[in-house]
Amino acid sequence: IYVRFFEVGHSYNSGDRDFGLIKKRITKEQNIYTIDKYVELIKGARSKPSQFNVTMMDTFYDFENVDFNPPSVGQLKADDGKKVQWFHVKELKFVKGLTGFKVKYNFRDELATVDYNHSRHSRSKRRSNGTSSTLNQLPKDKPIAKAKYDDVQELLKFVPPLYHKFYNDLRFK
């Protein structure tokens, strides 16, 4: 995952334009009752050069119990031993499996690695919040809280009957 920080005054990019088109299309719609309708609107927000591609996510992870205790951002150092200069960062890159990230201060420079485990305050010296370090996949149809389900049922009077089945079929605990 790349995060790029543009120069002041140069931040309008294709992503901004795309989100603007999507927002414009969605705000024209009076009521949206299903995820499928959102997908339809997003796809139809642009026709040239082609419609937007919408990828439905089917895997979600539970971060609630993950022991993520990085060092203070002011203590982070790159592999060259220099502290991360946050106000000058132009790009961050997050790589699967890396316990940190890569940083660049100029778009022409090479990325420097910032690894949490090799920071001045090693992981063993930092206090753990006592939680697991395992990232668990959430169930595909995780139930919602009973109170939330009851609230949804109360609001069904504002939803056309055509869409009631979707909301009535929600699982709750």
N, C-alpha and C. Protein backbone atom coordinates (compact mmCIF):
# COMPACT_ATOMS: atom_id res chain seq x y z
N ILE A 1 0.86 -1.17 0.00
CA ILE A 1 0.00 0.00 0.00
C ILE A 1 0.90 1.23 0.00
N TYR A 2 0.66 2.13 -0.93
CA TYR A 2 1.41 3.38 -1.01
C TYR A 2 0.54 4.53 -0.51
N VAL A 3 1.13 5.42 0.27
CA VAL A 3 0.48 6.66 0.67
C VAL A 3 1.39 7.78 0.21
N ARG A 4 0.88 8.64 -0.66
CA ARG A 4 1.70 9.73 -1.20
C ARG A 4 1.15 11.07 -0.72
N PHE A 5 2.05 11.93 -0.33
CA PHE A 5 1.69 13.26 0.15
C PHE A 5 2.15 14.27 -0.89
N PHE A 6 1.20 14.88 -1.58
CA PHE A 6 1.53 15.78 -2.67
C PHE A 6 1.93 17.15 -2.16
N GLU A 7 2.62 17.88 -2.99
CA GLU A 7 3.00 19.25 -2.68
C GLU A 7 1.73 20.08 -2.52
N VAL A 8 1.78 21.08 -1.65
CA VAL A 8 0.65 21.96 -1.45
C VAL A 8 0.28 22.60 -2.80
N GLY A 9 -1.02 22.57 -3.12
CA GLY A 9 -1.48 23.13 -4.38
C GLY A 9 -1.47 22.15 -5.53
N HIS A 10 -0.93 20.95 -5.30
CA HIS A 10 -0.86 19.95 -6.37
C HIS A 10 -1.53 18.65 -5.94
N SER A 11 -2.55 18.74 -5.10
CA SER A 11 -3.11 17.53 -4.53
C SER A 11 -4.30 16.97 -5.30
N TYR A 12 -4.79 17.64 -6.31
CA TYR A 12 -5.93 17.12 -7.04
C TYR A 12 -5.44 16.08 -8.05
N ASN A 13 -5.74 14.82 -7.80
CA ASN A 13 -5.27 13.75 -8.68
C ASN A 13 -6.45 12.92 -9.20
N SER A 14 -6.16 11.85 -9.90
CA SER A 14 -7.22 11.04 -10.50
C SER A 14 -8.13 10.42 -9.44
N GLY A 15 -7.57 10.06 -8.29
CA GLY A 15 -8.40 9.52 -7.21
C GLY A 15 -9.42 10.54 -6.73
N ASP A 16 -8.98 11.79 -6.58
CA ASP A 16 -9.91 12.87 -6.18
C ASP A 16 -11.02 13.02 -7.22
N ARG A 17 -10.65 12.99 -8.48
CA ARG A 17 -11.63 13.13 -9.55
C ARG A 17 -12.62 11.97 -9.52
N ASP A 18 -12.13 10.75 -9.35
CA ASP A 18 -13.00 9.58 -9.31
C ASP A 18 -13.98 9.65 -8.14
N PHE A 19 -13.49 10.00 -6.95
CA PHE A 19 -14.39 10.11 -5.81
C PHE A 19 -15.40 11.22 -6.00
N GLY A 20 -15.01 12.29 -6.67
CA GLY A 20 -15.94 13.37 -6.99
C GLY A 20 -17.07 12.89 -7.89
N LEU A 21 -16.74 12.08 -8.89
CA LEU A 21 -17.76 11.52 -9.79
C LEU A 21 -18.71 10.60 -9.02
N ILE A 22 -18.16 9.78 -8.15
CA ILE A 22 -18.97 8.85 -7.36
C ILE A 22 -19.90 9.63 -6.43
N LYS A 23 -19.36 10.61 -5.74
CA LYS A 23 -20.17 11.41 -4.82
C LYS A 23 -21.30 12.10 -5.57
N LYS A 24 -20.99 12.65 -6.73
CA LYS A 24 -22.01 13.35 -7.53
C LYS A 24 -23.13 12.39 -7.91
N ARG A 25 -22.78 11.16 -8.30
CA ARG A 25 -23.78 10.17 -8.71
C ARG A 25 -24.63 9.72 -7.53
N ILE A 26 -23.99 9.48 -6.39
CA ILE A 26 -24.72 8.99 -5.22
C ILE A 26 -25.64 10.07 -4.65
N THR A 27 -25.22 11.32 -4.66
CA THR A 27 -26.06 12.39 -4.10
C THR A 27 -27.30 12.66 -4.96
N LYS A 28 -27.28 12.23 -6.22
CA LYS A 28 -28.47 12.38 -7.07
C LYS A 28 -29.55 11.37 -6.68
N GLU A 29 -29.15 10.30 -6.03
CA GLU A 29 -30.09 9.24 -5.65
C GLU A 29 -30.82 9.63 -4.38
N GLN A 30 -32.14 9.49 -4.39
CA GLN A 30 -32.96 9.89 -3.24
C GLN A 30 -32.72 8.97 -2.04
N ASN A 31 -32.89 7.67 -2.25
CA ASN A 31 -32.76 6.69 -1.17
C ASN A 31 -31.97 5.48 -1.67
N ILE A 32 -31.10 4.97 -0.81
CA ILE A 32 -30.31 3.79 -1.13
C ILE A 32 -30.52 2.81 0.02
N TYR A 33 -31.03 1.62 -0.30
CA TYR A 33 -31.38 0.67 0.75
C TYR A 33 -30.49 -0.57 0.79
N THR A 34 -29.70 -0.81 -0.25
CA THR A 34 -28.90 -2.03 -0.28
C THR A 34 -27.48 -1.75 -0.77
N ILE A 35 -26.59 -2.66 -0.45
CA ILE A 35 -25.21 -2.58 -0.91
C ILE A 35 -25.18 -2.71 -2.43
N ASP A 36 -26.03 -3.56 -2.96
CA ASP A 36 -26.07 -3.74 -4.42
C ASP A 36 -26.38 -2.44 -5.14
N LYS A 37 -27.23 -1.61 -4.54
CA LYS A 37 -27.55 -0.32 -5.15
C LYS A 37 -26.33 0.59 -5.15
N TYR A 38 -25.56 0.58 -4.05
CA TYR A 38 -24.31 1.36 -4.02
C TYR A 38 -23.36 0.90 -5.12
N VAL A 39 -23.23 -0.40 -5.28
CA VAL A 39 -22.34 -0.94 -6.32
C VAL A 39 -22.80 -0.47 -7.69
N GLU A 40 -24.10 -0.55 -7.94
CA GLU A 40 -24.66 -0.10 -9.22
C GLU A 40 -24.36 1.38 -9.47
N LEU A 41 -24.54 2.21 -8.45
CA LEU A 41 -24.30 3.64 -8.59
C LEU A 41 -22.82 3.95 -8.82
N ILE A 42 -21.96 3.27 -8.10
CA ILE A 42 -20.52 3.50 -8.25
C ILE A 42 -20.07 3.10 -9.66
N LYS A 43 -20.50 1.92 -10.10
CA LYS A 43 -20.12 1.47 -11.44
C LYS A 43 -20.60 2.45 -12.51
N GLY A 44 -21.80 2.99 -12.33
CA GLY A 44 -22.39 3.89 -13.32
C GLY A 44 -21.95 5.34 -13.20
N ALA A 45 -21.10 5.65 -12.24
CA ALA A 45 -20.68 7.04 -12.05
C ALA A 45 -19.77 7.52 -13.17
N ARG A 46 -19.18 6.58 -13.88
CA ARG A 46 -18.29 6.93 -15.00
C ARG A 46 -18.55 5.95 -16.14
N SER A 47 -18.59 6.48 -17.36
CA SER A 47 -18.77 5.60 -18.50
C SER A 47 -17.55 5.57 -19.41
N LYS A 48 -16.77 6.65 -19.42
CA LYS A 48 -15.56 6.71 -20.26
C LYS A 48 -14.36 6.99 -19.38
N PRO A 49 -13.26 6.29 -19.51
CA PRO A 49 -12.97 5.30 -20.54
C PRO A 49 -13.73 3.99 -20.32
N SER A 50 -14.10 3.68 -19.10
CA SER A 50 -14.92 2.51 -18.82
C SER A 50 -15.55 2.71 -17.45
N GLN A 51 -16.53 1.87 -17.13
CA GLN A 51 -17.16 1.96 -15.82
C GLN A 51 -16.14 1.63 -14.73
N PHE A 52 -16.42 2.13 -13.52
CA PHE A 52 -15.58 1.77 -12.39
C PHE A 52 -15.72 0.27 -12.10
N ASN A 53 -14.65 -0.35 -11.68
CA ASN A 53 -14.67 -1.74 -11.26
C ASN A 53 -14.86 -1.76 -9.75
N VAL A 54 -15.86 -2.47 -9.27
CA VAL A 54 -16.11 -2.57 -7.84
C VAL A 54 -15.80 -3.99 -7.40
N THR A 55 -14.91 -4.13 -6.44
CA THR A 55 -14.54 -5.44 -5.91
C THR A 55 -15.17 -5.59 -4.53
N MET A 56 -16.04 -6.54 -4.39
CA MET A 56 -16.68 -6.80 -3.10
C MET A 56 -15.70 -7.56 -2.21
N MET A 57 -15.48 -7.06 -1.03
CA MET A 57 -14.57 -7.71 -0.09
C MET A 57 -15.28 -8.90 0.56
N ASP A 58 -14.58 -10.01 0.67
CA ASP A 58 -15.19 -11.17 1.32
C ASP A 58 -14.38 -11.67 2.51
N THR A 59 -13.25 -11.04 2.76
CA THR A 59 -12.42 -11.43 3.90
C THR A 59 -12.15 -10.19 4.75
N PHE A 60 -12.48 -10.29 6.02
CA PHE A 60 -12.24 -9.19 6.95
C PHE A 60 -11.50 -9.75 8.16
N TYR A 61 -10.70 -8.92 8.78
CA TYR A 61 -9.89 -9.36 9.91
C TYR A 61 -10.26 -8.59 11.17
N ASP A 62 -10.11 -9.26 12.31
CA ASP A 62 -10.43 -8.69 13.61
C ASP A 62 -9.16 -8.14 14.23
N PHE A 63 -9.04 -6.81 14.27
CA PHE A 63 -7.86 -6.16 14.83
C PHE A 63 -8.02 -5.86 16.33
N GLU A 64 -9.17 -6.17 16.88
CA GLU A 64 -9.48 -5.79 18.26
C GLU A 64 -8.49 -6.35 19.27
N ASN A 65 -8.05 -7.59 19.10
CA ASN A 65 -7.18 -8.23 20.09
C ASN A 65 -5.74 -8.38 19.64
N VAL A 66 -5.31 -7.58 18.69
CA VAL A 66 -3.95 -7.68 18.19
C VAL A 66 -3.04 -6.80 19.05
N ASP A 67 -1.91 -7.37 19.46
CA ASP A 67 -0.93 -6.64 20.25
C ASP A 67 -0.09 -5.79 19.29
N PHE A 68 -0.56 -4.58 19.06
CA PHE A 68 0.17 -3.67 18.18
C PHE A 68 0.64 -2.51 19.03
N ASN A 69 1.88 -2.53 19.39
CA ASN A 69 2.42 -1.53 20.30
C ASN A 69 3.71 -0.96 19.73
N PRO A 70 3.61 -0.18 18.65
CA PRO A 70 4.83 0.35 18.04
C PRO A 70 5.48 1.40 18.93
N PRO A 71 6.73 1.72 18.68
CA PRO A 71 7.38 2.76 19.45
C PRO A 71 6.73 4.11 19.17
N SER A 72 7.01 5.06 20.00
CA SER A 72 6.52 6.42 19.80
C SER A 72 6.96 6.91 18.43
N VAL A 73 6.07 7.60 17.70
CA VAL A 73 6.43 8.05 16.36
C VAL A 73 7.64 8.96 16.36
N GLY A 74 7.88 9.66 17.45
CA GLY A 74 9.04 10.53 17.54
C GLY A 74 10.35 9.77 17.68
N GLN A 75 10.29 8.48 18.02
CA GLN A 75 11.48 7.66 18.21
C GLN A 75 11.81 6.79 17.00
N LEU A 76 10.95 6.78 16.00
CA LEU A 76 11.18 5.91 14.85
C LEU A 76 12.38 6.37 14.04
N LYS A 77 13.21 5.39 13.66
CA LYS A 77 14.39 5.68 12.86
C LYS A 77 14.40 4.78 11.63
N ALA A 78 14.89 5.33 10.53
CA ALA A 78 15.03 4.55 9.30
C ALA A 78 16.29 3.70 9.40
N ASP A 79 16.47 2.84 8.41
CA ASP A 79 17.63 1.94 8.42
C ASP A 79 18.96 2.68 8.32
N ASP A 80 18.92 3.96 7.95
CA ASP A 80 20.16 4.75 7.92
C ASP A 80 20.47 5.40 9.27
N GLY A 81 19.62 5.10 10.30
CA GLY A 81 19.85 5.61 11.64
C GLY A 81 19.26 6.99 11.91
N LYS A 82 18.70 7.64 10.90
CA LYS A 82 18.13 8.98 11.08
C LYS A 82 16.66 8.88 11.50
N LYS A 83 16.25 9.81 12.40
CA LYS A 83 14.86 9.85 12.82
C LYS A 83 13.97 10.19 11.63
N VAL A 84 12.76 9.63 11.65
CA VAL A 84 11.78 9.94 10.60
C VAL A 84 11.36 11.40 10.76
N GLN A 85 11.47 12.15 9.70
CA GLN A 85 11.09 13.56 9.70
C GLN A 85 9.69 13.67 9.09
N TRP A 86 8.69 13.57 9.93
CA TRP A 86 7.31 13.44 9.49
C TRP A 86 6.84 14.59 8.60
N PHE A 87 7.27 15.81 8.87
CA PHE A 87 6.80 16.96 8.09
C PHE A 87 7.38 17.00 6.68
N HIS A 88 8.35 16.15 6.39
CA HIS A 88 8.99 16.15 5.08
C HIS A 88 8.69 14.88 4.28
N VAL A 89 7.90 13.97 4.86
CA VAL A 89 7.60 12.70 4.18
C VAL A 89 6.78 12.97 2.92
N LYS A 90 7.20 12.35 1.80
CA LYS A 90 6.47 12.46 0.53
C LYS A 90 5.75 11.15 0.20
N GLU A 91 6.27 10.03 0.73
CA GLU A 91 5.66 8.75 0.41
C GLU A 91 5.91 7.75 1.52
N LEU A 92 4.88 6.97 1.85
CA LEU A 92 5.00 5.83 2.75
C LEU A 92 4.58 4.60 1.97
N LYS A 93 5.26 3.49 2.23
CA LYS A 93 4.90 2.23 1.59
C LYS A 93 4.79 1.17 2.68
N PHE A 94 3.65 0.50 2.72
CA PHE A 94 3.43 -0.56 3.69
C PHE A 94 3.49 -1.89 2.95
N VAL A 95 4.33 -2.79 3.45
CA VAL A 95 4.59 -4.05 2.77
C VAL A 95 4.15 -5.20 3.68
N LYS A 96 3.41 -6.13 3.09
CA LYS A 96 2.95 -7.29 3.84
C LYS A 96 4.16 -8.02 4.43
N GLY A 97 4.11 -8.32 5.73
CA GLY A 97 5.18 -9.04 6.38
C GLY A 97 6.24 -8.15 7.02
N LEU A 98 6.27 -6.87 6.68
CA LEU A 98 7.24 -5.95 7.26
C LEU A 98 6.66 -5.34 8.53
N THR A 99 7.40 -5.41 9.62
CA THR A 99 6.91 -4.83 10.88
C THR A 99 7.28 -3.36 10.93
N GLY A 100 6.80 -2.63 9.99
CA GLY A 100 7.08 -1.21 9.88
C GLY A 100 6.60 -0.72 8.54
N PHE A 101 7.39 0.14 7.92
CA PHE A 101 7.02 0.70 6.63
C PHE A 101 8.26 1.24 5.94
N LYS A 102 8.09 1.71 4.73
CA LYS A 102 9.17 2.35 4.00
C LYS A 102 8.81 3.82 3.83
N VAL A 103 9.81 4.68 3.80
CA VAL A 103 9.57 6.12 3.76
C VAL A 103 10.48 6.77 2.73
N LYS A 104 9.98 7.86 2.15
CA LYS A 104 10.75 8.61 1.16
C LYS A 104 10.43 10.09 1.36
N TYR A 105 11.45 10.94 1.27
CA TYR A 105 11.29 12.38 1.48
C TYR A 105 11.28 13.16 0.16
N ASN A 106 11.62 12.48 -0.91
CA ASN A 106 11.65 13.09 -2.23
C ASN A 106 11.24 11.99 -3.20
N PHE A 107 10.41 12.30 -4.17
CA PHE A 107 9.91 11.27 -5.08
C PHE A 107 11.03 10.63 -5.91
N ARG A 108 12.18 11.26 -5.99
CA ARG A 108 13.30 10.69 -6.75
C ARG A 108 14.17 9.78 -5.89
N ASP A 109 14.04 9.88 -4.57
CA ASP A 109 14.87 9.10 -3.66
C ASP A 109 14.42 7.64 -3.60
N GLU A 110 15.30 6.81 -3.06
CA GLU A 110 14.96 5.42 -2.76
C GLU A 110 14.20 5.38 -1.45
N LEU A 111 13.40 4.36 -1.27
CA LEU A 111 12.66 4.19 -0.02
C LEU A 111 13.60 3.69 1.08
N ALA A 112 13.51 4.29 2.25
CA ALA A 112 14.26 3.83 3.43
C ALA A 112 13.30 3.01 4.29
N THR A 113 13.80 1.98 4.94
CA THR A 113 12.97 1.11 5.76
C THR A 113 12.95 1.58 7.21
N VAL A 114 11.76 1.62 7.79
CA VAL A 114 11.57 1.91 9.20
C VAL A 114 10.94 0.66 9.80
N ASP A 115 11.69 -0.06 10.62
CA ASP A 115 11.23 -1.32 11.19
C ASP A 115 11.00 -1.13 12.67
N TYR A 116 9.77 -1.38 13.14
CA TYR A 116 9.45 -1.21 14.55
C TYR A 116 10.36 -2.05 15.44
N ASN A 117 10.69 -3.25 15.01
CA ASN A 117 11.49 -4.16 15.83
C ASN A 117 12.94 -3.71 15.96
N HIS A 118 13.43 -2.85 15.08
CA HIS A 118 14.80 -2.39 15.16
C HIS A 118 14.89 -0.94 15.59
N SER A 119 13.81 -0.44 16.15
CA SER A 119 13.79 0.93 16.64
C SER A 119 14.63 1.00 17.92
N ARG A 120 14.94 2.22 18.34
CA ARG A 120 15.76 2.42 19.54
C ARG A 120 15.14 1.72 20.74
N HIS A 121 13.81 1.77 20.83
CA HIS A 121 13.11 1.09 21.93
C HIS A 121 12.58 -0.22 21.37
N SER A 122 13.32 -1.28 21.59
CA SER A 122 12.93 -2.56 21.00
C SER A 122 11.60 -3.02 21.58
N ARG A 123 10.98 -3.93 20.86
CA ARG A 123 9.66 -4.43 21.24
C ARG A 123 9.68 -5.04 22.64
N SER A 124 10.77 -5.68 23.02
CA SER A 124 10.82 -6.32 24.33
C SER A 124 10.84 -5.30 25.46
N LYS A 125 11.31 -4.08 25.20
CA LYS A 125 11.37 -3.05 26.24
C LYS A 125 10.05 -2.28 26.36
N ARG A 126 9.20 -2.37 25.33
CA ARG A 126 7.93 -1.65 25.38
C ARG A 126 6.90 -2.49 26.11
N ARG A 127 5.99 -1.83 26.79
CA ARG A 127 4.95 -2.56 27.49
C ARG A 127 3.92 -3.08 26.51
N SER A 128 3.54 -4.31 26.70
CA SER A 128 2.49 -4.90 25.88
C SER A 128 1.15 -4.54 26.48
N ASN A 129 0.13 -4.46 25.66
CA ASN A 129 -1.19 -4.19 26.19
C ASN A 129 -1.88 -5.49 26.61
N GLY A 130 -1.14 -6.59 26.64
CA GLY A 130 -1.64 -7.84 27.17
C GLY A 130 -2.57 -8.61 26.23
N THR A 131 -2.61 -8.26 24.98
CA THR A 131 -3.49 -8.94 24.06
C THR A 131 -2.70 -9.85 23.14
N SER A 132 -3.41 -10.61 22.37
CA SER A 132 -2.82 -11.58 21.45
C SER A 132 -2.15 -10.88 20.28
N SER A 133 -1.20 -11.55 19.66
CA SER A 133 -0.57 -10.99 18.47
C SER A 133 -1.10 -11.67 17.21
N THR A 134 -2.18 -12.44 17.36
CA THR A 134 -2.75 -13.17 16.23
C THR A 134 -3.84 -12.34 15.57
N LEU A 135 -3.77 -12.28 14.26
CA LEU A 135 -4.78 -11.58 13.48
C LEU A 135 -5.75 -12.63 12.96
N ASN A 136 -6.97 -12.64 13.49
CA ASN A 136 -7.95 -13.64 13.13
C ASN A 136 -8.92 -13.13 12.06
N GLN A 137 -9.27 -14.02 11.16
CA GLN A 137 -10.26 -13.69 10.14
C GLN A 137 -11.64 -13.71 10.77
N LEU A 138 -12.43 -12.68 10.47
CA LEU A 138 -13.80 -12.63 10.99
C LEU A 138 -14.67 -13.61 10.21
N PRO A 139 -15.71 -14.15 10.85
CA PRO A 139 -16.63 -15.02 10.12
C PRO A 139 -17.30 -14.25 8.98
N LYS A 140 -17.66 -14.95 7.92
CA LYS A 140 -18.25 -14.30 6.73
C LYS A 140 -19.55 -13.57 7.06
N ASP A 141 -20.36 -14.11 7.94
CA ASP A 141 -21.63 -13.48 8.27
C ASP A 141 -21.72 -13.22 9.78
N LYS A 142 -20.80 -12.42 10.25
CA LYS A 142 -20.73 -12.10 11.68
C LYS A 142 -22.04 -11.47 12.13
N PRO A 143 -22.63 -11.99 13.18
CA PRO A 143 -23.90 -11.44 13.64
C PRO A 143 -23.72 -10.05 14.25
N ILE A 144 -24.79 -9.25 14.15
CA ILE A 144 -24.78 -7.93 14.77
C ILE A 144 -25.39 -8.05 16.16
N ALA A 145 -25.21 -7.04 16.97
CA ALA A 145 -25.77 -7.04 18.32
C ALA A 145 -27.30 -7.02 18.24
N LYS A 146 -27.94 -7.66 19.20
CA LYS A 146 -29.41 -7.72 19.24
C LYS A 146 -30.01 -6.32 19.28
N ALA A 147 -29.41 -5.42 20.04
CA ALA A 147 -29.93 -4.05 20.14
C ALA A 147 -29.89 -3.36 18.78
N LYS A 148 -28.82 -3.59 18.02
CA LYS A 148 -28.71 -3.00 16.68
C LYS A 148 -29.77 -3.59 15.76
N TYR A 149 -29.96 -4.90 15.85
CA TYR A 149 -31.00 -5.56 15.05
C TYR A 149 -32.38 -4.96 15.37
N ASP A 150 -32.65 -4.78 16.65
CA ASP A 150 -33.93 -4.21 17.06
C ASP A 150 -34.11 -2.78 16.52
N ASP A 151 -33.04 -2.00 16.52
CA ASP A 151 -33.09 -0.65 15.97
C ASP A 151 -33.42 -0.69 14.48
N VAL A 152 -32.78 -1.62 13.75
CA VAL A 152 -33.03 -1.76 12.32
C VAL A 152 -34.50 -2.13 12.09
N GLN A 153 -35.02 -3.04 12.89
CA GLN A 153 -36.42 -3.45 12.75
C GLN A 153 -37.37 -2.27 12.98
N GLU A 154 -37.04 -1.44 13.93
CA GLU A 154 -37.85 -0.25 14.23
C GLU A 154 -37.85 0.72 13.04
N LEU A 155 -36.73 0.80 12.33
CA LEU A 155 -36.62 1.73 11.20
C LEU A 155 -37.21 1.18 9.90
N LEU A 156 -37.61 -0.09 9.89
CA LEU A 156 -38.15 -0.68 8.67
C LEU A 156 -39.40 0.03 8.17
N LYS A 157 -40.09 0.73 9.03
CA LYS A 157 -41.29 1.45 8.59
C LYS A 157 -40.95 2.54 7.57
N PHE A 158 -39.67 2.93 7.50
CA PHE A 158 -39.23 3.94 6.54
C PHE A 158 -38.64 3.33 5.27
N VAL A 159 -38.56 2.01 5.23
CA VAL A 159 -37.95 1.29 4.11
C VAL A 159 -39.06 0.62 3.30
N PRO A 160 -39.03 0.74 1.97
CA PRO A 160 -40.04 0.06 1.15
C PRO A 160 -40.04 -1.45 1.41
N PRO A 161 -41.21 -2.07 1.46
CA PRO A 161 -41.31 -3.52 1.75
C PRO A 161 -40.45 -4.40 0.85
N LEU A 162 -40.18 -3.96 -0.35
CA LEU A 162 -39.34 -4.71 -1.28
C LEU A 162 -37.98 -5.07 -0.66
N TYR A 163 -37.47 -4.24 0.25
CA TYR A 163 -36.15 -4.43 0.83
C TYR A 163 -36.18 -5.04 2.23
N HIS A 164 -37.35 -5.33 2.79
CA HIS A 164 -37.45 -5.82 4.17
C HIS A 164 -36.74 -7.15 4.37
N LYS A 165 -36.80 -8.04 3.38
CA LYS A 165 -36.18 -9.37 3.55
C LYS A 165 -34.70 -9.25 3.90
N PHE A 166 -33.99 -8.36 3.23
CA PHE A 166 -32.56 -8.18 3.51
C PHE A 166 -32.34 -7.87 4.99
N TYR A 167 -33.12 -6.94 5.53
CA TYR A 167 -32.94 -6.51 6.91
C TYR A 167 -33.49 -7.54 7.91
N ASN A 168 -34.56 -8.23 7.54
CA ASN A 168 -35.10 -9.26 8.41
C ASN A 168 -34.18 -10.48 8.51
N ASP A 169 -33.39 -10.72 7.46
CA ASP A 169 -32.49 -11.87 7.45
C ASP A 169 -31.15 -11.63 8.12
N LEU A 170 -30.93 -10.44 8.64
CA LEU A 170 -29.66 -10.16 9.33
C LEU A 170 -29.54 -11.06 10.54
N ARG A 171 -28.36 -11.60 10.75
CA ARG A 171 -28.11 -12.45 11.92
C ARG A 171 -27.75 -11.55 13.10
N PHE A 172 -28.20 -11.94 14.28
CA PHE A 172 -27.89 -11.17 15.48
C PHE A 172 -27.59 -12.11 16.63
N LYS A 173 -26.92 -11.56 17.64
CA LYS A 173 -26.59 -12.36 18.82
C LYS A 173 -27.20 -11.75 20.06
